[in-house]
Amino acid sequence: MPSGAAEVQNDVDVGERLREIRGRRRLTLREVAERAGLSESFLSQVERGRASASIASLRRIADGLGIGISGLFQPLEPARPRVLRRADRPTLAFGILGRKMLLTPQPLHELEVFVGELEPGGSTGAEQYAHGDSEELFVVLRGTVRLELGDELHELETGDSIDYRSSTPHRIANAGEEPAEVMWIISPPSY
């Protein structure tokens, strides 16, 4: 490298990154340690740079935080507006006759927003599912859907919304004759 060139530093302090993600998700050391199946003292030492974690431990920590392991190695970036074009949305076929599109650019630490489309007869799957323990707001943008929320059943129309914990088993089905469009707003991200 020429002597006059600026040096670029790409190293990420994994402990600092871990502490920052944990704080943004409002999780205690104990909560992450329990989710990861590790001791609270070990996790504290990793955060303070006094212990190194194996890849297997980092995988467990990332799972406990509800992120991919790569999230622990991404440098912190200053907040700035980012555009995610409709054509560039990550899209996932899900359930029966449905697809889900991510609206929030990654990584967005506090919030995750998806829109979904369900054809008539479509659903999120044959069984209820749960993920993480986040606040989840579900909004019907178009159509009529049936939301199974544990033992409760809710019939929702265009413009209706409902909030619940993502840890509560839930299932959504299009209850109408036309395609339905829905939105999930999840904080902190748990997908």
C-alpha atoms as a PDB file:
ATOM      1  CA  MET A   1       0.000   0.000   0.000  1.00  0.00           C
ATOM      2  CA  PRO A   2       1.478   3.430  -0.899  1.00  0.00           C
ATOM      3  CA  SER A   3       2.624   5.399   2.125  1.00  0.00           C
ATOM      4  CA  GLY A   4       0.264   8.317   1.376  1.00  0.00           C
ATOM      5  CA  ALA A   5      -2.869   6.120   1.056  1.00  0.00           C
ATOM      6  CA  ALA A   6      -5.479   6.175   3.802  1.00  0.00           C
ATOM      7  CA  GLU A   7      -5.655   2.972   5.779  1.00  0.00           C
ATOM      8  CA  VAL A   8      -9.079   1.369   5.953  1.00  0.00           C
ATOM      9  CA  GLN A   9      -9.975  -0.441   9.158  1.00  0.00           C
ATOM     10  CA  ASN A  10     -12.520  -3.243   8.646  1.00  0.00           C
ATOM     11  CA  ASP A  11     -12.130  -5.033  11.976  1.00  0.00           C
ATOM     12  CA  VAL A  12     -15.294  -5.419  14.000  1.00  0.00           C
ATOM     13  CA  ASP A  13     -15.249  -5.816  17.761  1.00  0.00           C
ATOM     14  CA  VAL A  14     -17.610  -8.800  18.114  1.00  0.00           C
ATOM     15  CA  GLY A  15     -18.131  -8.169  21.826  1.00  0.00           C
ATOM     16  CA  GLU A  16     -19.070  -4.543  21.222  1.00  0.00           C
ATOM     17  CA  ARG A  17     -21.339  -5.571  18.356  1.00  0.00           C
ATOM     18  CA  LEU A  18     -22.979  -8.231  20.546  1.00  0.00           C
ATOM     19  CA  ARG A  19     -23.613  -5.713  23.335  1.00  0.00           C
ATOM     20  CA  GLU A  20     -25.016  -3.174  20.853  1.00  0.00           C
ATOM     21  CA  ILE A  21     -27.424  -5.692  19.253  1.00  0.00           C
ATOM     22  CA  ARG A  22     -28.503  -7.014  22.662  1.00  0.00           C
ATOM     23  CA  GLY A  23     -29.173  -3.462  23.863  1.00  0.00           C
ATOM     24  CA  ARG A  24     -31.180  -2.546  20.777  1.00  0.00           C
ATOM     25  CA  ARG A  25     -33.323  -5.622  21.295  1.00  0.00           C
ATOM     26  CA  ARG A  26     -33.740  -4.761  24.979  1.00  0.00           C
ATOM     27  CA  LEU A  27     -32.461  -8.164  26.095  1.00  0.00           C
ATOM     28  CA  THR A  28     -30.542  -8.825  29.286  1.00  0.00           C
ATOM     29  CA  LEU A  29     -27.352 -10.873  29.422  1.00  0.00           C
ATOM     30  CA  ARG A  30     -29.325 -13.548  31.239  1.00  0.00           C
ATOM     31  CA  GLU A  31     -32.023 -13.713  28.529  1.00  0.00           C
ATOM     32  CA  VAL A  32     -29.504 -14.108  25.713  1.00  0.00           C
ATOM     33  CA  ALA A  33     -27.435 -16.593  27.729  1.00  0.00           C
ATOM     34  CA  GLU A  34     -30.514 -18.734  28.443  1.00  0.00           C
ATOM     35  CA  ARG A  35     -31.606 -18.642  24.795  1.00  0.00           C
ATOM     36  CA  ALA A  36     -28.078 -19.559  23.685  1.00  0.00           C
ATOM     37  CA  GLY A  37     -27.579 -22.232  26.339  1.00  0.00           C
ATOM     38  CA  LEU A  38     -24.438 -20.495  27.630  1.00  0.00           C
ATOM     39  CA  SER A  39     -23.516 -19.041  31.005  1.00  0.00           C
ATOM     40  CA  GLU A  40     -24.235 -15.408  31.703  1.00  0.00           C
ATOM     41  CA  SER A  41     -20.660 -14.877  32.923  1.00  0.00           C
ATOM     42  CA  PHE A  42     -19.201 -16.300  29.696  1.00  0.00           C
ATOM     43  CA  LEU A  43     -21.422 -14.046  27.602  1.00  0.00           C
ATOM     44  CA  SER A  44     -20.385 -11.037  29.700  1.00  0.00           C
ATOM     45  CA  GLN A  45     -16.717 -11.902  29.185  1.00  0.00           C
ATOM     46  CA  VAL A  46     -17.238 -12.146  25.410  1.00  0.00           C
ATOM     47  CA  GLU A  47     -18.945  -8.743  25.375  1.00  0.00           C
ATOM     48  CA  ARG A  48     -16.059  -7.187  27.328  1.00  0.00           C
ATOM     49  CA  GLY A  49     -13.416  -8.801  25.113  1.00  0.00           C
ATOM     50  CA  ARG A  50     -12.073 -10.963  27.959  1.00  0.00           C
ATOM     51  CA  ALA A  51     -13.011 -14.264  26.346  1.00  0.00           C
ATOM     52  CA  SER A  52     -13.163 -15.513  22.791  1.00  0.00           C
ATOM     53  CA  ALA A  53     -16.131 -17.513  21.601  1.00  0.00           C
ATOM     54  CA  SER A  54     -15.888 -20.472  19.256  1.00  0.00           C
ATOM     55  CA  ILE A  55     -17.846 -20.416  16.002  1.00  0.00           C
ATOM     56  CA  ALA A  56     -20.316 -22.862  17.592  1.00  0.00           C
ATOM     57  CA  SER A  57     -20.815 -20.497  20.560  1.00  0.00           C
ATOM     58  CA  LEU A  58     -21.175 -17.494  18.248  1.00  0.00           C
ATOM     59  CA  ARG A  59     -23.831 -19.421  16.289  1.00  0.00           C
ATOM     60  CA  ARG A  60     -25.722 -20.086  19.519  1.00  0.00           C
ATOM     61  CA  ILE A  61     -25.394 -16.426  20.591  1.00  0.00           C
ATOM     62  CA  ALA A  62     -26.643 -15.219  17.198  1.00  0.00           C
ATOM     63  CA  ASP A  63     -29.603 -17.619  17.441  1.00  0.00           C
ATOM     64  CA  GLY A  64     -30.302 -16.288  20.947  1.00  0.00           C
ATOM     65  CA  LEU A  65     -30.401 -12.765  19.526  1.00  0.00           C
ATOM     66  CA  GLY A  66     -32.566 -13.842  16.588  1.00  0.00           C
ATOM     67  CA  ILE A  67     -29.995 -12.855  13.947  1.00  0.00           C
ATOM     68  CA  GLY A  68     -27.731 -14.594  11.479  1.00  0.00           C
ATOM     69  CA  ILE A  69     -24.154 -15.149  12.619  1.00  0.00           C
ATOM     70  CA  SER A  70     -22.937 -12.680   9.977  1.00  0.00           C
ATOM     71  CA  GLY A  71     -24.758  -9.929  11.908  1.00  0.00           C
ATOM     72  CA  LEU A  72     -22.116 -10.223  14.640  1.00  0.00           C
ATOM     73  CA  PHE A  73     -19.363  -9.343  12.161  1.00  0.00           C
ATOM     74  CA  GLN A  74     -20.942  -6.463  10.276  1.00  0.00           C
ATOM     75  CA  PRO A  75     -19.436  -3.091  11.155  1.00  0.00           C
ATOM     76  CA  LEU A  76     -21.716  -0.544  12.776  1.00  0.00           C
ATOM     77  CA  GLU A  77     -22.902   1.977  10.237  1.00  0.00           C
ATOM     78  CA  PRO A  78     -24.259   5.436  10.900  1.00  0.00           C
ATOM     79  CA  ALA A  79     -28.024   5.631  10.385  1.00  0.00           C
ATOM     80  CA  ARG A  80     -28.932   6.882   6.956  1.00  0.00           C
ATOM     81  CA  PRO A  81     -31.974   6.550   4.714  1.00  0.00           C
ATOM     82  CA  ARG A  82     -31.902   3.484   2.488  1.00  0.00           C
ATOM     83  CA  VAL A  83     -34.253   2.758  -0.389  1.00  0.00           C
ATOM     84  CA  LEU A  84     -35.449  -0.777  -1.058  1.00  0.00           C
ATOM     85  CA  ARG A  85     -37.044  -0.856  -4.499  1.00  0.00           C
ATOM     86  CA  ARG A  86     -40.127  -3.012  -5.036  1.00  0.00           C
ATOM     87  CA  ALA A  87     -38.298  -5.088  -7.652  1.00  0.00           C
ATOM     88  CA  ASP A  88     -35.438  -5.723  -5.194  1.00  0.00           C
ATOM     89  CA  ARG A  89     -37.545  -6.925  -2.239  1.00  0.00           C
ATOM     90  CA  PRO A  90     -36.518 -10.322  -0.929  1.00  0.00           C
ATOM     91  CA  THR A  91     -39.507 -12.573  -1.700  1.00  0.00           C
ATOM     92  CA  LEU A  92     -40.370 -15.890  -0.129  1.00  0.00           C
ATOM     93  CA  ALA A  93     -43.091 -18.345  -1.105  1.00  0.00           C
ATOM     94  CA  PHE A  94     -44.724 -19.456   2.132  1.00  0.00           C
ATOM     95  CA  GLY A  95     -47.559 -21.584   3.383  1.00  0.00           C
ATOM     96  CA  ILE A  96     -50.258 -22.482   0.915  1.00  0.00           C
ATOM     97  CA  LEU A  97     -50.748 -20.153  -2.070  1.00  0.00           C
ATOM     98  CA  GLY A  98     -48.887 -17.298  -0.401  1.00  0.00           C
ATOM     99  CA  ARG A  99     -45.798 -15.164  -0.740  1.00  0.00           C
ATOM    100  CA  LYS A 100     -44.117 -12.751   1.625  1.00  0.00           C
ATOM    101  CA  MET A 101     -41.944  -9.736   0.748  1.00  0.00           C
ATOM    102  CA  LEU A 102     -39.538  -8.003   3.131  1.00  0.00           C
ATOM    103  CA  LEU A 103     -40.017  -4.207   3.116  1.00  0.00           C
ATOM    104  CA  THR A 104     -37.250  -3.263   5.549  1.00  0.00           C
ATOM    105  CA  PRO A 105     -33.683  -3.039   4.281  1.00  0.00           C
ATOM    106  CA  GLN A 106     -31.251  -5.229   6.205  1.00  0.00           C
ATOM    107  CA  PRO A 107     -29.880  -4.778   8.718  1.00  0.00           C
ATOM    108  CA  LEU A 108     -32.620  -2.761  10.382  1.00  0.00           C
ATOM    109  CA  HIS A 109     -32.166  -3.440  14.086  1.00  0.00           C
ATOM    110  CA  GLU A 110     -35.435  -2.336  15.682  1.00  0.00           C
ATOM    111  CA  LEU A 111     -38.082  -3.218  13.139  1.00  0.00           C
ATOM    112  CA  GLU A 112     -39.017  -5.778  10.512  1.00  0.00           C
ATOM    113  CA  VAL A 113     -41.883  -5.224   8.059  1.00  0.00           C
ATOM    114  CA  PHE A 114     -43.285  -7.770   5.611  1.00  0.00           C
ATOM    115  CA  VAL A 115     -46.192  -7.656   3.190  1.00  0.00           C
ATOM    116  CA  GLY A 116     -47.866 -10.865   2.147  1.00  0.00           C
ATOM    117  CA  GLU A 117     -50.248 -11.942  -0.561  1.00  0.00           C
ATOM    118  CA  LEU A 118     -52.630 -14.851  -0.100  1.00  0.00           C
ATOM    119  CA  GLU A 119     -54.632 -16.275  -2.978  1.00  0.00           C
ATOM    120  CA  PRO A 120     -58.193 -17.468  -2.232  1.00  0.00           C
ATOM    121  CA  GLY A 121     -57.819 -20.566  -0.061  1.00  0.00           C
ATOM    122  CA  GLY A 122     -54.249 -19.558   0.784  1.00  0.00           C
ATOM    123  CA  SER A 123     -52.770 -19.562   4.276  1.00  0.00           C
ATOM    124  CA  THR A 124     -49.505 -19.373   6.193  1.00  0.00           C
ATOM    125  CA  GLY A 125     -49.611 -23.169   6.412  1.00  0.00           C
ATOM    126  CA  ALA A 126     -51.586 -26.059   7.825  1.00  0.00           C
ATOM    127  CA  GLU A 127     -50.449 -25.413  11.415  1.00  0.00           C
ATOM    128  CA  GLN A 128     -49.950 -22.411  13.671  1.00  0.00           C
ATOM    129  CA  TYR A 129     -46.362 -21.212  14.112  1.00  0.00           C
ATOM    130  CA  ALA A 130     -44.441 -18.922  16.467  1.00  0.00           C
ATOM    131  CA  HIS A 131     -41.107 -17.113  16.208  1.00  0.00           C
ATOM    132  CA  GLY A 132     -39.055 -15.220  18.789  1.00  0.00           C
ATOM    133  CA  ASP A 133     -40.858 -13.132  21.401  1.00  0.00           C
ATOM    134  CA  SER A 134     -41.408  -9.802  19.658  1.00  0.00           C
ATOM    135  CA  GLU A 135     -44.287  -7.387  19.424  1.00  0.00           C
ATOM    136  CA  GLU A 136     -46.134  -8.101  16.207  1.00  0.00           C
ATOM    137  CA  LEU A 137     -48.741  -5.913  14.538  1.00  0.00           C
ATOM    138  CA  PHE A 138     -50.772  -7.566  11.782  1.00  0.00           C
ATOM    139  CA  VAL A 139     -52.680  -5.350   9.309  1.00  0.00           C
ATOM    140  CA  VAL A 140     -55.122  -6.374   6.581  1.00  0.00           C
ATOM    141  CA  LEU A 141     -54.432  -4.154   3.578  1.00  0.00           C
ATOM    142  CA  ARG A 142     -56.970  -5.807   1.263  1.00  0.00           C
ATOM    143  CA  GLY A 143     -59.456  -8.652   1.577  1.00  0.00           C
ATOM    144  CA  THR A 144     -60.787 -10.765   4.425  1.00  0.00           C
ATOM    145  CA  VAL A 145     -58.553 -12.997   6.523  1.00  0.00           C
ATOM    146  CA  ARG A 146     -59.004 -15.323   9.468  1.00  0.00           C
ATOM    147  CA  LEU A 147     -56.324 -15.139  12.156  1.00  0.00           C
ATOM    148  CA  GLU A 148     -55.952 -18.075  14.522  1.00  0.00           C
ATOM    149  CA  LEU A 149     -54.161 -16.782  17.606  1.00  0.00           C
ATOM    150  CA  GLY A 150     -53.680 -19.648  20.032  1.00  0.00           C
ATOM    151  CA  ASP A 151     -57.263 -20.722  20.872  1.00  0.00           C
ATOM    152  CA  GLU A 152     -58.797 -17.464  19.601  1.00  0.00           C
ATOM    153  CA  LEU A 153     -60.207 -16.878  16.120  1.00  0.00           C
ATOM    154  CA  HIS A 154     -60.387 -13.370  14.594  1.00  0.00           C
ATOM    155  CA  GLU A 155     -62.079 -12.435  11.316  1.00  0.00           C
ATOM    156  CA  LEU A 156     -60.372  -9.306   9.942  1.00  0.00           C
ATOM    157  CA  GLU A 157     -61.380  -7.047   7.051  1.00  0.00           C
ATOM    158  CA  THR A 158     -59.538  -4.413   5.003  1.00  0.00           C
ATOM    159  CA  GLY A 159     -58.056  -1.812   7.355  1.00  0.00           C
ATOM    160  CA  ASP A 160     -58.336  -3.955  10.499  1.00  0.00           C
ATOM    161  CA  SER A 161     -55.265  -4.605  12.646  1.00  0.00           C
ATOM    162  CA  ILE A 162     -54.400  -6.711  15.670  1.00  0.00           C
ATOM    163  CA  ASP A 163     -51.328  -6.904  17.898  1.00  0.00           C
ATOM    164  CA  TYR A 164     -49.892  -9.943  19.693  1.00  0.00           C
ATOM    165  CA  ARG A 165     -46.609 -11.516  20.798  1.00  0.00           C
ATOM    166  CA  SER A 166     -44.845 -13.437  18.018  1.00  0.00           C
ATOM    167  CA  SER A 167     -44.277 -16.240  20.557  1.00  0.00           C
ATOM    168  CA  THR A 168     -48.050 -16.909  20.515  1.00  0.00           C
ATOM    169  CA  PRO A 169     -48.778 -19.622  17.928  1.00  0.00           C
ATOM    170  CA  HIS A 170     -50.650 -18.069  15.013  1.00  0.00           C
ATOM    171  CA  ARG A 171     -51.944 -18.897  11.536  1.00  0.00           C
ATOM    172  CA  ILE A 172     -53.482 -16.686   8.860  1.00  0.00           C
ATOM    173  CA  ALA A 173     -55.845 -17.802   6.091  1.00  0.00           C
ATOM    174  CA  ASN A 174     -57.575 -15.929   3.287  1.00  0.00           C
ATOM    175  CA  ALA A 175     -61.295 -16.183   4.162  1.00  0.00           C
ATOM    176  CA  GLY A 176     -62.506 -14.376   1.037  1.00  0.00           C
ATOM    177  CA  GLU A 177     -63.054 -15.061  -2.656  1.00  0.00           C
ATOM    178  CA  GLU A 178     -60.441 -12.495  -3.772  1.00  0.00           C
ATOM    179  CA  PRO A 179     -56.659 -12.298  -3.136  1.00  0.00           C
ATOM    180  CA  ALA A 180     -55.768 -10.806   0.255  1.00  0.00           C
ATOM    181  CA  GLU A 181     -52.849  -8.500   1.015  1.00  0.00           C
ATOM    182  CA  VAL A 182     -51.537  -8.259   4.575  1.00  0.00           C
ATOM    183  CA  MET A 183     -48.676  -6.660   6.506  1.00  0.00           C
ATOM    184  CA  TRP A 184     -46.640  -7.795   9.521  1.00  0.00           C
ATOM    185  CA  ILE A 185     -44.719  -5.233  11.584  1.00  0.00           C
ATOM    186  CA  ILE A 186     -42.361  -6.916  14.064  1.00  0.00           C
ATOM    187  CA  SER A 187     -40.191  -5.325  16.746  1.00  0.00           C
ATOM    188  CA  PRO A 188     -37.534  -6.345  17.435  1.00  0.00           C
ATOM    189  CA  PRO A 189     -36.991  -8.470  14.318  1.00  0.00           C
ATOM    190  CA  SER A 190     -37.541 -12.168  14.952  1.00  0.00           C
ATOM    191  CA  TYR A 191     -37.456 -13.693  11.472  1.00  0.00           C
END
